Amino acid sequence: MTRFPQITRRGALTLTAGALALASGRATALTATAAEDFVESLIKDLRALVEDDRKGPEGAAEFLALLERKSTLEAVGRFAMGRTWRDMSEAQQAAYQAAFRTYISNTYQRRFGEYSGEDISLTGVLDAGQKGVLVKSVVTRPSAEPVTVEWLVTDRTGSPLLSDIIFEGVSLAITLRETFGGMVDKRNGDIDLFIADLAASHGA
């Protein structure tokens, strides 16, 4: 059975709700503490899934259920398509979102499975303006270099939700946008073919 990272906090910055509201211009501000608490809870949920050690479609379905509860999954899907989203029909948008949900759940399942058995420390927070609050962390690996993971948390819907994860400075949302744009280009703009291929893939 695998063991997902334990969580510790060290050197975390403390930002007041008033300071965040002033800096971001948001009507309601997500505090540093609330963002960190949300990320801790999310990591615990991810750990439980990894320790459950379910593979394949069943494991991916559990990751998808978690992402639907705790992330802006639909919005990330729209962002990943860029300008192409506006050119898609409603039927294509629905089919794409269904394929995207499967793709992203497989991606998260594989990515976090790589960090099982290691420790993670929350190291601070940064105000990301209108985007929300960025919670910084480090994954400590006994036989390799530490890995930085940053969690972008937003409260635009009224409660904290994950909107992006940055692995070693690389945004997952932006990576998806570049990947999907390249996939559409390779298919000469054929959206239906792109959706079918995305649905048949197993994630990044």
N, C-alpha and C. Protein backbone atom coordinates (compact mmCIF):
# COMPACT_ATOMS: atom_id res chain seq x y z
N MET A 1 0.84 -1.18 0.00
CA MET A 1 0.00 0.00 0.00
C MET A 1 0.88 1.24 0.00
N THR A 2 0.58 2.22 -0.85
CA THR A 2 1.36 3.44 -0.92
C THR A 2 0.96 4.41 0.17
N ARG A 3 1.85 5.36 0.44
CA ARG A 3 1.57 6.36 1.46
C ARG A 3 1.78 7.74 0.86
N PHE A 4 0.73 8.56 0.89
CA PHE A 4 0.83 9.90 0.32
C PHE A 4 1.52 10.82 1.32
N PRO A 5 2.11 11.92 0.85
CA PRO A 5 2.87 12.80 1.72
C PRO A 5 2.11 13.28 2.95
N GLN A 6 2.82 13.37 4.08
CA GLN A 6 2.30 14.02 5.27
C GLN A 6 2.48 15.52 5.10
N ILE A 7 1.63 16.30 5.76
CA ILE A 7 1.64 17.74 5.58
C ILE A 7 2.19 18.42 6.81
N THR A 8 3.10 19.36 6.61
CA THR A 8 3.54 20.25 7.68
C THR A 8 3.53 21.67 7.15
N ARG A 9 3.46 22.64 8.08
CA ARG A 9 3.55 24.04 7.69
C ARG A 9 4.84 24.60 8.24
N ARG A 10 5.55 25.36 7.40
CA ARG A 10 6.75 26.02 7.90
C ARG A 10 6.96 27.33 7.15
N GLY A 11 7.25 28.35 7.92
CA GLY A 11 7.54 29.65 7.32
C GLY A 11 6.39 30.25 6.55
N ALA A 12 5.16 29.95 6.92
CA ALA A 12 4.03 30.48 6.16
C ALA A 12 3.85 31.97 6.40
N LEU A 13 3.54 32.70 5.33
CA LEU A 13 3.25 34.12 5.45
C LEU A 13 1.84 34.28 5.98
N THR A 14 1.60 35.33 6.75
CA THR A 14 0.26 35.61 7.23
C THR A 14 -0.23 36.90 6.61
N LEU A 15 -1.33 36.83 5.84
CA LEU A 15 -1.90 38.01 5.21
C LEU A 15 -3.30 38.21 5.78
N THR A 16 -3.62 39.44 6.13
CA THR A 16 -4.94 39.71 6.67
C THR A 16 -5.95 39.78 5.54
N ALA A 17 -7.22 39.58 5.89
CA ALA A 17 -8.28 39.66 4.88
C ALA A 17 -8.33 41.05 4.27
N GLY A 18 -8.12 42.09 5.10
CA GLY A 18 -8.14 43.45 4.58
C GLY A 18 -7.03 43.70 3.58
N ALA A 19 -5.84 43.19 3.85
CA ALA A 19 -4.71 43.38 2.94
C ALA A 19 -4.96 42.69 1.61
N LEU A 20 -5.52 41.49 1.67
CA LEU A 20 -5.82 40.77 0.43
C LEU A 20 -6.87 41.51 -0.38
N ALA A 21 -7.90 42.01 0.30
CA ALA A 21 -8.96 42.71 -0.41
C ALA A 21 -8.43 43.97 -1.08
N LEU A 22 -7.55 44.69 -0.37
CA LEU A 22 -6.98 45.91 -0.92
C LEU A 22 -6.10 45.61 -2.13
N ALA A 23 -5.32 44.53 -2.03
CA ALA A 23 -4.38 44.20 -3.10
C ALA A 23 -5.08 43.67 -4.34
N SER A 24 -6.15 42.89 -4.15
CA SER A 24 -6.78 42.22 -5.27
C SER A 24 -8.00 42.94 -5.81
N GLY A 25 -8.59 43.81 -4.98
CA GLY A 25 -9.80 44.49 -5.42
C GLY A 25 -11.03 43.61 -5.37
N ARG A 26 -10.94 42.45 -4.74
CA ARG A 26 -12.09 41.56 -4.64
C ARG A 26 -13.05 42.06 -3.58
N ALA A 27 -14.34 41.87 -3.79
CA ALA A 27 -15.34 42.29 -2.82
C ALA A 27 -15.22 41.45 -1.55
N THR A 28 -14.95 40.17 -1.70
CA THR A 28 -14.71 39.31 -0.56
C THR A 28 -13.35 38.68 -0.74
N ALA A 29 -12.57 38.64 0.32
CA ALA A 29 -11.19 38.18 0.21
C ALA A 29 -11.03 36.81 0.81
N LEU A 30 -10.28 35.98 0.14
CA LEU A 30 -9.91 34.68 0.66
C LEU A 30 -8.67 34.87 1.52
N THR A 31 -8.75 34.54 2.80
CA THR A 31 -7.61 34.75 3.68
C THR A 31 -6.55 33.69 3.46
N ALA A 32 -5.34 34.01 3.89
CA ALA A 32 -4.24 33.06 3.78
C ALA A 32 -4.55 31.79 4.55
N THR A 33 -5.10 31.94 5.75
CA THR A 33 -5.42 30.78 6.58
C THR A 33 -6.46 29.89 5.92
N ALA A 34 -7.49 30.51 5.36
CA ALA A 34 -8.55 29.73 4.70
C ALA A 34 -8.00 28.98 3.50
N ALA A 35 -7.11 29.64 2.73
CA ALA A 35 -6.52 28.99 1.56
C ALA A 35 -5.64 27.82 1.98
N GLU A 36 -4.83 28.01 3.02
CA GLU A 36 -3.98 26.92 3.51
C GLU A 36 -4.81 25.77 4.06
N ASP A 37 -5.85 26.10 4.80
CA ASP A 37 -6.71 25.04 5.35
C ASP A 37 -7.35 24.24 4.22
N PHE A 38 -7.77 24.94 3.17
CA PHE A 38 -8.37 24.25 2.03
C PHE A 38 -7.37 23.31 1.37
N VAL A 39 -6.14 23.78 1.17
CA VAL A 39 -5.12 22.94 0.53
C VAL A 39 -4.78 21.75 1.41
N GLU A 40 -4.68 21.96 2.71
CA GLU A 40 -4.43 20.82 3.62
C GLU A 40 -5.52 19.78 3.49
N SER A 41 -6.77 20.23 3.46
CA SER A 41 -7.89 19.31 3.33
C SER A 41 -7.84 18.56 2.00
N LEU A 42 -7.51 19.30 0.93
CA LEU A 42 -7.43 18.68 -0.39
C LEU A 42 -6.33 17.63 -0.43
N ILE A 43 -5.17 17.95 0.14
CA ILE A 43 -4.06 17.00 0.14
C ILE A 43 -4.43 15.74 0.93
N LYS A 44 -5.13 15.91 2.04
CA LYS A 44 -5.57 14.75 2.81
C LYS A 44 -6.50 13.86 1.99
N ASP A 45 -7.40 14.50 1.23
CA ASP A 45 -8.31 13.72 0.37
C ASP A 45 -7.53 13.00 -0.72
N LEU A 46 -6.54 13.69 -1.30
CA LEU A 46 -5.71 13.06 -2.33
C LEU A 46 -4.92 11.90 -1.75
N ARG A 47 -4.40 12.08 -0.54
CA ARG A 47 -3.66 11.01 0.12
C ARG A 47 -4.55 9.78 0.32
N ALA A 48 -5.78 10.01 0.74
CA ALA A 48 -6.70 8.89 0.97
C ALA A 48 -6.93 8.11 -0.32
N LEU A 49 -7.04 8.82 -1.45
CA LEU A 49 -7.24 8.13 -2.72
C LEU A 49 -6.01 7.33 -3.12
N VAL A 50 -4.84 7.92 -2.93
CA VAL A 50 -3.60 7.22 -3.29
C VAL A 50 -3.39 6.00 -2.40
N GLU A 51 -3.67 6.15 -1.11
CA GLU A 51 -3.49 5.03 -0.19
C GLU A 51 -4.50 3.93 -0.45
N ASP A 52 -5.66 4.30 -1.00
CA ASP A 52 -6.65 3.30 -1.37
C ASP A 52 -6.11 2.41 -2.48
N ASP A 53 -5.16 2.96 -3.26
CA ASP A 53 -4.40 2.20 -4.26
C ASP A 53 -5.27 1.59 -5.35
N ARG A 54 -6.32 2.28 -5.74
CA ARG A 54 -7.16 1.78 -6.82
C ARG A 54 -6.62 2.30 -8.15
N LYS A 55 -6.48 1.42 -9.09
CA LYS A 55 -5.91 1.76 -10.38
C LYS A 55 -7.00 1.79 -11.45
N GLY A 56 -6.61 2.24 -12.64
CA GLY A 56 -7.49 2.18 -13.79
C GLY A 56 -8.72 3.06 -13.67
N PRO A 57 -9.80 2.69 -14.39
CA PRO A 57 -11.01 3.52 -14.44
C PRO A 57 -11.63 3.78 -13.07
N GLU A 58 -11.59 2.81 -12.19
CA GLU A 58 -12.19 2.99 -10.87
C GLU A 58 -11.46 4.07 -10.08
N GLY A 59 -10.12 4.01 -10.08
CA GLY A 59 -9.34 5.01 -9.39
C GLY A 59 -9.51 6.39 -10.01
N ALA A 60 -9.54 6.45 -11.35
CA ALA A 60 -9.72 7.73 -12.04
C ALA A 60 -11.07 8.34 -11.72
N ALA A 61 -12.09 7.50 -11.59
CA ALA A 61 -13.43 7.98 -11.26
C ALA A 61 -13.46 8.61 -9.88
N GLU A 62 -12.70 8.06 -8.95
CA GLU A 62 -12.63 8.63 -7.60
C GLU A 62 -11.92 9.98 -7.63
N PHE A 63 -10.85 10.09 -8.41
CA PHE A 63 -10.17 11.37 -8.57
C PHE A 63 -11.11 12.39 -9.21
N LEU A 64 -11.89 11.97 -10.19
CA LEU A 64 -12.82 12.88 -10.85
C LEU A 64 -13.85 13.40 -9.86
N ALA A 65 -14.39 12.54 -9.03
CA ALA A 65 -15.38 12.96 -8.04
C ALA A 65 -14.80 14.01 -7.10
N LEU A 66 -13.54 13.81 -6.70
CA LEU A 66 -12.88 14.77 -5.82
C LEU A 66 -12.68 16.11 -6.53
N LEU A 67 -12.24 16.07 -7.78
CA LEU A 67 -12.01 17.30 -8.53
C LEU A 67 -13.31 18.06 -8.76
N GLU A 68 -14.40 17.34 -8.97
CA GLU A 68 -15.68 18.01 -9.18
C GLU A 68 -16.16 18.71 -7.92
N ARG A 69 -15.77 18.18 -6.75
CA ARG A 69 -16.15 18.80 -5.49
C ARG A 69 -15.26 19.98 -5.12
N LYS A 70 -13.97 19.89 -5.46
CA LYS A 70 -13.01 20.84 -4.90
C LYS A 70 -12.22 21.63 -5.92
N SER A 71 -12.64 21.64 -7.17
CA SER A 71 -11.93 22.45 -8.17
C SER A 71 -12.90 23.10 -9.13
N THR A 72 -12.39 24.09 -9.86
CA THR A 72 -13.18 24.77 -10.89
C THR A 72 -13.01 24.01 -12.20
N LEU A 73 -13.38 22.76 -12.21
CA LEU A 73 -13.07 21.85 -13.31
C LEU A 73 -13.63 22.34 -14.64
N GLU A 74 -14.88 22.76 -14.65
CA GLU A 74 -15.49 23.20 -15.91
C GLU A 74 -14.80 24.45 -16.45
N ALA A 75 -14.47 25.38 -15.55
CA ALA A 75 -13.80 26.61 -15.98
C ALA A 75 -12.41 26.31 -16.53
N VAL A 76 -11.70 25.38 -15.90
CA VAL A 76 -10.38 24.99 -16.39
C VAL A 76 -10.51 24.38 -17.79
N GLY A 77 -11.56 23.60 -17.99
CA GLY A 77 -11.79 23.01 -19.31
C GLY A 77 -12.00 24.06 -20.37
N ARG A 78 -12.78 25.09 -20.04
CA ARG A 78 -13.00 26.18 -21.00
C ARG A 78 -11.69 26.92 -21.28
N PHE A 79 -10.93 27.21 -20.23
CA PHE A 79 -9.66 27.91 -20.40
C PHE A 79 -8.71 27.12 -21.30
N ALA A 80 -8.69 25.82 -21.12
CA ALA A 80 -7.76 24.98 -21.87
C ALA A 80 -8.02 25.03 -23.38
N MET A 81 -9.24 25.36 -23.77
CA MET A 81 -9.56 25.42 -25.21
C MET A 81 -9.27 26.79 -25.81
N GLY A 82 -9.00 27.79 -24.98
CA GLY A 82 -8.69 29.11 -25.51
C GLY A 82 -9.81 29.66 -26.37
N ARG A 83 -9.44 30.36 -27.44
CA ARG A 83 -10.43 30.99 -28.31
C ARG A 83 -11.29 29.98 -29.05
N THR A 84 -10.78 28.77 -29.18
CA THR A 84 -11.53 27.74 -29.90
C THR A 84 -12.86 27.45 -29.22
N TRP A 85 -12.92 27.65 -27.90
CA TRP A 85 -14.15 27.37 -27.16
C TRP A 85 -15.34 28.12 -27.75
N ARG A 86 -15.14 29.37 -28.14
CA ARG A 86 -16.24 30.19 -28.66
C ARG A 86 -16.71 29.73 -30.03
N ASP A 87 -15.85 29.02 -30.73
CA ASP A 87 -16.22 28.54 -32.07
C ASP A 87 -16.92 27.18 -32.04
N MET A 88 -16.98 26.56 -30.87
CA MET A 88 -17.58 25.23 -30.76
C MET A 88 -19.09 25.33 -30.56
N SER A 89 -19.82 24.38 -31.10
CA SER A 89 -21.27 24.33 -30.88
C SER A 89 -21.54 23.87 -29.45
N GLU A 90 -22.76 24.02 -28.98
CA GLU A 90 -23.10 23.57 -27.64
C GLU A 90 -22.89 22.06 -27.50
N ALA A 91 -23.21 21.32 -28.54
CA ALA A 91 -23.02 19.87 -28.50
C ALA A 91 -21.54 19.53 -28.40
N GLN A 92 -20.70 20.25 -29.16
CA GLN A 92 -19.27 20.02 -29.10
C GLN A 92 -18.70 20.40 -27.73
N GLN A 93 -19.18 21.50 -27.17
CA GLN A 93 -18.72 21.91 -25.84
C GLN A 93 -19.05 20.86 -24.79
N ALA A 94 -20.26 20.30 -24.86
CA ALA A 94 -20.67 19.27 -23.89
C ALA A 94 -19.83 18.01 -24.06
N ALA A 95 -19.61 17.60 -25.31
CA ALA A 95 -18.82 16.39 -25.58
C ALA A 95 -17.37 16.60 -25.13
N TYR A 96 -16.86 17.79 -25.39
CA TYR A 96 -15.49 18.10 -24.97
C TYR A 96 -15.35 18.07 -23.46
N GLN A 97 -16.28 18.69 -22.73
CA GLN A 97 -16.19 18.72 -21.28
C GLN A 97 -16.22 17.31 -20.69
N ALA A 98 -17.01 16.44 -21.27
CA ALA A 98 -17.05 15.05 -20.81
C ALA A 98 -15.70 14.37 -21.04
N ALA A 99 -15.11 14.59 -22.23
CA ALA A 99 -13.80 14.00 -22.53
C ALA A 99 -12.72 14.61 -21.65
N PHE A 100 -12.83 15.92 -21.41
CA PHE A 100 -11.85 16.61 -20.58
C PHE A 100 -11.86 16.08 -19.15
N ARG A 101 -13.03 15.85 -18.60
CA ARG A 101 -13.13 15.35 -17.23
C ARG A 101 -12.40 14.02 -17.08
N THR A 102 -12.56 13.14 -18.06
CA THR A 102 -11.86 11.86 -18.01
C THR A 102 -10.36 12.05 -18.15
N TYR A 103 -9.97 12.91 -19.08
CA TYR A 103 -8.55 13.18 -19.33
C TYR A 103 -7.88 13.74 -18.09
N ILE A 104 -8.49 14.74 -17.46
CA ILE A 104 -7.85 15.40 -16.34
C ILE A 104 -7.82 14.51 -15.10
N SER A 105 -8.83 13.69 -14.90
CA SER A 105 -8.82 12.78 -13.75
C SER A 105 -7.70 11.76 -13.89
N ASN A 106 -7.47 11.26 -15.10
CA ASN A 106 -6.35 10.34 -15.34
C ASN A 106 -5.02 11.04 -15.12
N THR A 107 -4.94 12.31 -15.55
CA THR A 107 -3.71 13.08 -15.39
C THR A 107 -3.38 13.29 -13.92
N TYR A 108 -4.37 13.73 -13.13
CA TYR A 108 -4.14 13.95 -11.70
C TYR A 108 -3.80 12.65 -10.99
N GLN A 109 -4.50 11.58 -11.34
CA GLN A 109 -4.23 10.30 -10.70
C GLN A 109 -2.78 9.87 -10.92
N ARG A 110 -2.31 10.02 -12.14
CA ARG A 110 -0.93 9.63 -12.45
C ARG A 110 0.08 10.58 -11.79
N ARG A 111 -0.20 11.88 -11.84
CA ARG A 111 0.75 12.85 -11.31
C ARG A 111 0.93 12.70 -9.80
N PHE A 112 -0.15 12.58 -9.07
CA PHE A 112 -0.02 12.47 -7.63
C PHE A 112 0.44 11.10 -7.18
N GLY A 113 0.21 10.09 -8.00
CA GLY A 113 0.73 8.78 -7.68
C GLY A 113 2.24 8.75 -7.65
N GLU A 114 2.87 9.70 -8.39
CA GLU A 114 4.34 9.79 -8.42
C GLU A 114 4.91 10.27 -7.10
N TYR A 115 4.09 10.95 -6.28
CA TYR A 115 4.58 11.53 -5.04
C TYR A 115 4.14 10.76 -3.80
N SER A 116 3.69 9.53 -3.96
CA SER A 116 3.28 8.74 -2.81
C SER A 116 4.49 8.38 -1.95
N GLY A 117 4.26 8.34 -0.64
CA GLY A 117 5.32 7.96 0.28
C GLY A 117 6.29 9.06 0.61
N GLU A 118 6.00 10.30 0.24
CA GLU A 118 6.89 11.41 0.49
C GLU A 118 6.18 12.48 1.30
N ASP A 119 6.95 13.43 1.86
CA ASP A 119 6.39 14.46 2.73
C ASP A 119 6.22 15.78 2.00
N ILE A 120 5.19 16.52 2.37
CA ILE A 120 4.94 17.82 1.76
C ILE A 120 4.81 18.86 2.85
N SER A 121 5.45 20.01 2.64
CA SER A 121 5.41 21.11 3.59
C SER A 121 4.80 22.33 2.92
N LEU A 122 3.82 22.96 3.57
CA LEU A 122 3.29 24.23 3.10
C LEU A 122 4.27 25.31 3.54
N THR A 123 4.74 26.12 2.59
CA THR A 123 5.83 27.05 2.87
C THR A 123 5.43 28.51 2.80
N GLY A 124 4.22 28.83 2.43
CA GLY A 124 3.81 30.22 2.38
C GLY A 124 2.65 30.45 1.44
N VAL A 125 2.18 31.69 1.41
CA VAL A 125 1.09 32.06 0.51
C VAL A 125 1.43 33.38 -0.16
N LEU A 126 0.87 33.56 -1.36
CA LEU A 126 1.02 34.81 -2.09
C LEU A 126 -0.34 35.24 -2.61
N ASP A 127 -0.62 36.54 -2.55
CA ASP A 127 -1.83 37.08 -3.14
C ASP A 127 -1.68 37.05 -4.66
N ALA A 128 -2.61 36.41 -5.35
CA ALA A 128 -2.57 36.33 -6.81
C ALA A 128 -3.61 37.25 -7.44
N GLY A 129 -4.02 38.28 -6.70
CA GLY A 129 -4.97 39.25 -7.23
C GLY A 129 -6.32 38.63 -7.54
N GLN A 130 -6.86 38.96 -8.71
CA GLN A 130 -8.17 38.45 -9.09
C GLN A 130 -8.20 36.93 -9.21
N LYS A 131 -7.03 36.32 -9.38
CA LYS A 131 -6.98 34.86 -9.54
C LYS A 131 -7.18 34.13 -8.22
N GLY A 132 -6.92 34.79 -7.08
CA GLY A 132 -7.09 34.14 -5.79
C GLY A 132 -5.84 34.17 -4.94
N VAL A 133 -5.55 33.08 -4.27
CA VAL A 133 -4.39 32.97 -3.38
C VAL A 133 -3.57 31.76 -3.79
N LEU A 134 -2.26 31.94 -3.88
CA LEU A 134 -1.35 30.86 -4.26
C LEU A 134 -0.72 30.29 -2.99
N VAL A 135 -1.00 29.03 -2.72
CA VAL A 135 -0.41 28.34 -1.57
C VAL A 135 0.81 27.57 -2.05
N LYS A 136 1.96 27.87 -1.47
CA LYS A 136 3.22 27.27 -1.91
C LYS A 136 3.56 26.06 -1.03
N SER A 137 4.14 25.04 -1.64
CA SER A 137 4.54 23.85 -0.89
C SER A 137 5.76 23.21 -1.52
N VAL A 138 6.40 22.35 -0.76
CA VAL A 138 7.56 21.61 -1.23
C VAL A 138 7.37 20.14 -0.90
N VAL A 139 7.55 19.29 -1.89
CA VAL A 139 7.53 17.84 -1.68
C VAL A 139 8.96 17.37 -1.47
N THR A 140 9.23 16.80 -0.30
CA THR A 140 10.57 16.33 0.04
C THR A 140 10.70 14.85 -0.29
N ARG A 141 11.70 14.55 -1.10
CA ARG A 141 11.92 13.16 -1.54
C ARG A 141 13.28 12.69 -1.03
N PRO A 142 13.33 11.54 -0.37
CA PRO A 142 14.59 11.08 0.23
C PRO A 142 15.70 10.79 -0.75
N SER A 143 15.37 10.41 -1.96
CA SER A 143 16.40 10.02 -2.92
C SER A 143 16.43 10.91 -4.15
N ALA A 144 15.84 12.11 -4.04
CA ALA A 144 15.81 13.02 -5.19
C ALA A 144 15.67 14.45 -4.69
N GLU A 145 15.80 15.40 -5.62
CA GLU A 145 15.67 16.80 -5.28
C GLU A 145 14.22 17.13 -4.88
N PRO A 146 14.04 18.09 -3.97
CA PRO A 146 12.68 18.51 -3.60
C PRO A 146 11.92 19.04 -4.82
N VAL A 147 10.62 18.92 -4.78
CA VAL A 147 9.76 19.39 -5.86
C VAL A 147 8.83 20.48 -5.32
N THR A 148 8.80 21.63 -6.00
CA THR A 148 7.89 22.69 -5.58
C THR A 148 6.52 22.49 -6.25
N VAL A 149 5.49 22.58 -5.45
CA VAL A 149 4.12 22.48 -5.95
C VAL A 149 3.34 23.66 -5.38
N GLU A 150 2.69 24.41 -6.26
CA GLU A 150 1.90 25.56 -5.85
C GLU A 150 0.44 25.34 -6.22
N TRP A 151 -0.45 25.74 -5.32
CA TRP A 151 -1.88 25.49 -5.45
C TRP A 151 -2.60 26.82 -5.55
N LEU A 152 -3.24 27.10 -6.67
CA LEU A 152 -3.98 28.35 -6.84
C LEU A 152 -5.41 28.13 -6.39
N VAL A 153 -5.80 28.86 -5.34
CA VAL A 153 -7.11 28.70 -4.74
C VAL A 153 -7.94 29.96 -5.00
N THR A 154 -9.17 29.80 -5.45
CA THR A 154 -10.06 30.91 -5.71
C THR A 154 -11.32 30.79 -4.87
N ASP A 155 -11.95 31.93 -4.57
CA ASP A 155 -13.23 31.90 -3.85
C ASP A 155 -14.31 32.61 -4.64
N ARG A 156 -14.16 32.66 -5.95
CA ARG A 156 -15.13 33.38 -6.78
C ARG A 156 -16.53 32.82 -6.69
N THR A 157 -16.66 31.55 -6.40
CA THR A 157 -17.99 30.93 -6.30
C THR A 157 -18.55 31.01 -4.89
N GLY A 158 -17.79 31.62 -3.97
CA GLY A 158 -18.25 31.77 -2.61
C GLY A 158 -17.55 30.88 -1.61
N SER A 159 -16.93 29.81 -2.07
CA SER A 159 -16.16 28.92 -1.21
C SER A 159 -14.86 28.57 -1.91
N PRO A 160 -13.81 28.25 -1.16
CA PRO A 160 -12.51 27.96 -1.78
C PRO A 160 -12.58 26.77 -2.74
N LEU A 161 -11.96 26.94 -3.90
CA LEU A 161 -11.85 25.87 -4.89
C LEU A 161 -10.48 25.96 -5.55
N LEU A 162 -9.96 24.83 -5.97
CA LEU A 162 -8.68 24.78 -6.67
C LEU A 162 -8.89 25.14 -8.13
N SER A 163 -8.08 26.10 -8.65
CA SER A 163 -8.21 26.48 -10.05
C SER A 163 -6.98 26.15 -10.88
N ASP A 164 -5.86 25.84 -10.23
CA ASP A 164 -4.67 25.45 -10.98
C ASP A 164 -3.65 24.85 -10.02
N ILE A 165 -2.77 24.01 -10.56
CA ILE A 165 -1.63 23.48 -9.81
C ILE A 165 -0.38 23.76 -10.65
N ILE A 166 0.65 24.26 -9.99
CA ILE A 166 1.90 24.58 -10.68
C ILE A 166 2.98 23.64 -10.16
N PHE A 167 3.47 22.76 -11.02
CA PHE A 167 4.54 21.83 -10.67
C PHE A 167 5.86 22.40 -11.17
N GLU A 168 6.78 22.69 -10.25
CA GLU A 168 8.10 23.20 -10.61
C GLU A 168 8.00 24.39 -11.57
N GLY A 169 7.08 25.30 -11.27
CA GLY A 169 6.94 26.50 -12.06
C GLY A 169 6.12 26.35 -13.33
N VAL A 170 5.59 25.16 -13.59
CA VAL A 170 4.83 24.90 -14.81
C VAL A 170 3.36 24.75 -14.46
N SER A 171 2.53 25.65 -14.98
CA SER A 171 1.09 25.63 -14.72
C SER A 171 0.43 24.49 -15.48
N LEU A 172 -0.36 23.70 -14.77
CA LEU A 172 -1.09 22.61 -15.43
C LEU A 172 -2.11 23.17 -16.40
N ALA A 173 -2.82 24.25 -16.00
CA ALA A 173 -3.85 24.82 -16.87
C ALA A 173 -3.24 25.34 -18.17
N ILE A 174 -2.12 26.04 -18.08
CA ILE A 174 -1.47 26.58 -19.28
C ILE A 174 -0.91 25.45 -20.14
N THR A 175 -0.36 24.42 -19.48
CA THR A 175 0.14 23.26 -20.22
C THR A 175 -0.98 22.59 -21.01
N LEU A 176 -2.14 22.46 -20.38
CA LEU A 176 -3.29 21.87 -21.06
C LEU A 176 -3.69 22.71 -22.27
N ARG A 177 -3.70 24.03 -22.09
CA ARG A 177 -4.07 24.92 -23.19
C ARG A 177 -3.13 24.77 -24.37
N GLU A 178 -1.83 24.69 -24.09
CA GLU A 178 -0.85 24.52 -25.16
C GLU A 178 -0.98 23.16 -25.82
N THR A 179 -1.20 22.13 -24.99
CA THR A 179 -1.33 20.77 -25.51
C THR A 179 -2.56 20.64 -26.40
N PHE A 180 -3.70 21.14 -25.93
CA PHE A 180 -4.93 21.02 -26.70
C PHE A 180 -4.88 21.86 -27.98
N GLY A 181 -4.25 23.04 -27.89
CA GLY A 181 -4.11 23.86 -29.09
C GLY A 181 -3.29 23.13 -30.17
N GLY A 182 -2.23 22.47 -29.71
CA GLY A 182 -1.41 21.70 -30.64
C GLY A 182 -2.17 20.52 -31.23
N MET A 183 -3.00 19.88 -30.40
CA MET A 183 -3.79 18.75 -30.88
C MET A 183 -4.79 19.18 -31.95
N VAL A 184 -5.44 20.33 -31.72
CA VAL A 184 -6.40 20.84 -32.70
C VAL A 184 -5.69 21.21 -34.00
N ASP A 185 -4.53 21.85 -33.88
CA ASP A 185 -3.77 22.24 -35.08
C ASP A 185 -3.37 21.01 -35.90
N LYS A 186 -2.94 19.96 -35.23
CA LYS A 186 -2.52 18.75 -35.93
C LYS A 186 -3.68 18.08 -36.66
N ARG A 187 -4.89 18.38 -36.23
CA ARG A 187 -6.08 17.81 -36.87
C ARG A 187 -6.75 18.82 -37.79
N ASN A 188 -5.96 19.83 -38.18
CA ASN A 188 -6.42 20.86 -39.11
C ASN A 188 -7.72 21.53 -38.66
N GLY A 189 -7.83 21.72 -37.34
CA GLY A 189 -9.00 22.41 -36.80
C GLY A 189 -10.25 21.56 -36.69
N ASP A 190 -10.14 20.26 -36.92
CA ASP A 190 -11.30 19.37 -36.83
C ASP A 190 -11.61 19.12 -35.35
N ILE A 191 -12.58 19.86 -34.80
CA ILE A 191 -12.91 19.77 -33.39
C ILE A 191 -13.48 18.41 -33.02
N ASP A 192 -14.32 17.86 -33.87
CA ASP A 192 -14.92 16.56 -33.56
C ASP A 192 -13.85 15.47 -33.46
N LEU A 193 -12.87 15.52 -34.35
CA LEU A 193 -11.78 14.54 -34.31
C LEU A 193 -10.95 14.75 -33.05
N PHE A 194 -10.69 16.01 -32.72
CA PHE A 194 -9.93 16.31 -31.49
C PHE A 194 -10.66 15.74 -30.26
N ILE A 195 -11.95 15.96 -30.16
CA ILE A 195 -12.73 15.48 -29.01
C ILE A 195 -12.68 13.96 -28.93
N ALA A 196 -12.84 13.32 -30.08
CA ALA A 196 -12.81 11.85 -30.09
C ALA A 196 -11.46 11.32 -29.64
N ASP A 197 -10.39 11.95 -30.10
CA ASP A 197 -9.04 11.51 -29.69
C ASP A 197 -8.78 11.81 -28.22
N LEU A 198 -9.28 12.95 -27.75
CA LEU A 198 -9.11 13.28 -26.33
C LEU A 198 -9.83 12.27 -25.45
N ALA A 199 -11.03 11.89 -25.85
CA ALA A 199 -11.81 10.92 -25.09
C ALA A 199 -11.14 9.56 -25.04
N ALA A 200 -10.38 9.24 -26.09
CA ALA A 200 -9.73 7.94 -26.16
C ALA A 200 -8.36 7.92 -25.49
N SER A 201 -7.86 9.10 -25.09
CA SER A 201 -6.53 9.17 -24.48
C SER A 201 -6.59 8.81 -23.00
N HIS A 202 -5.43 8.70 -22.38
CA HIS A 202 -5.36 8.29 -20.97
C HIS A 202 -4.72 9.36 -20.10
N GLY A 203 -4.81 10.60 -20.53
CA GLY A 203 -4.26 11.68 -19.71
C GLY A 203 -2.81 11.97 -20.05
N ALA A 204 -2.33 13.09 -19.48
CA ALA A 204 -0.95 13.51 -19.75
C ALA A 204 0.03 12.79 -18.87
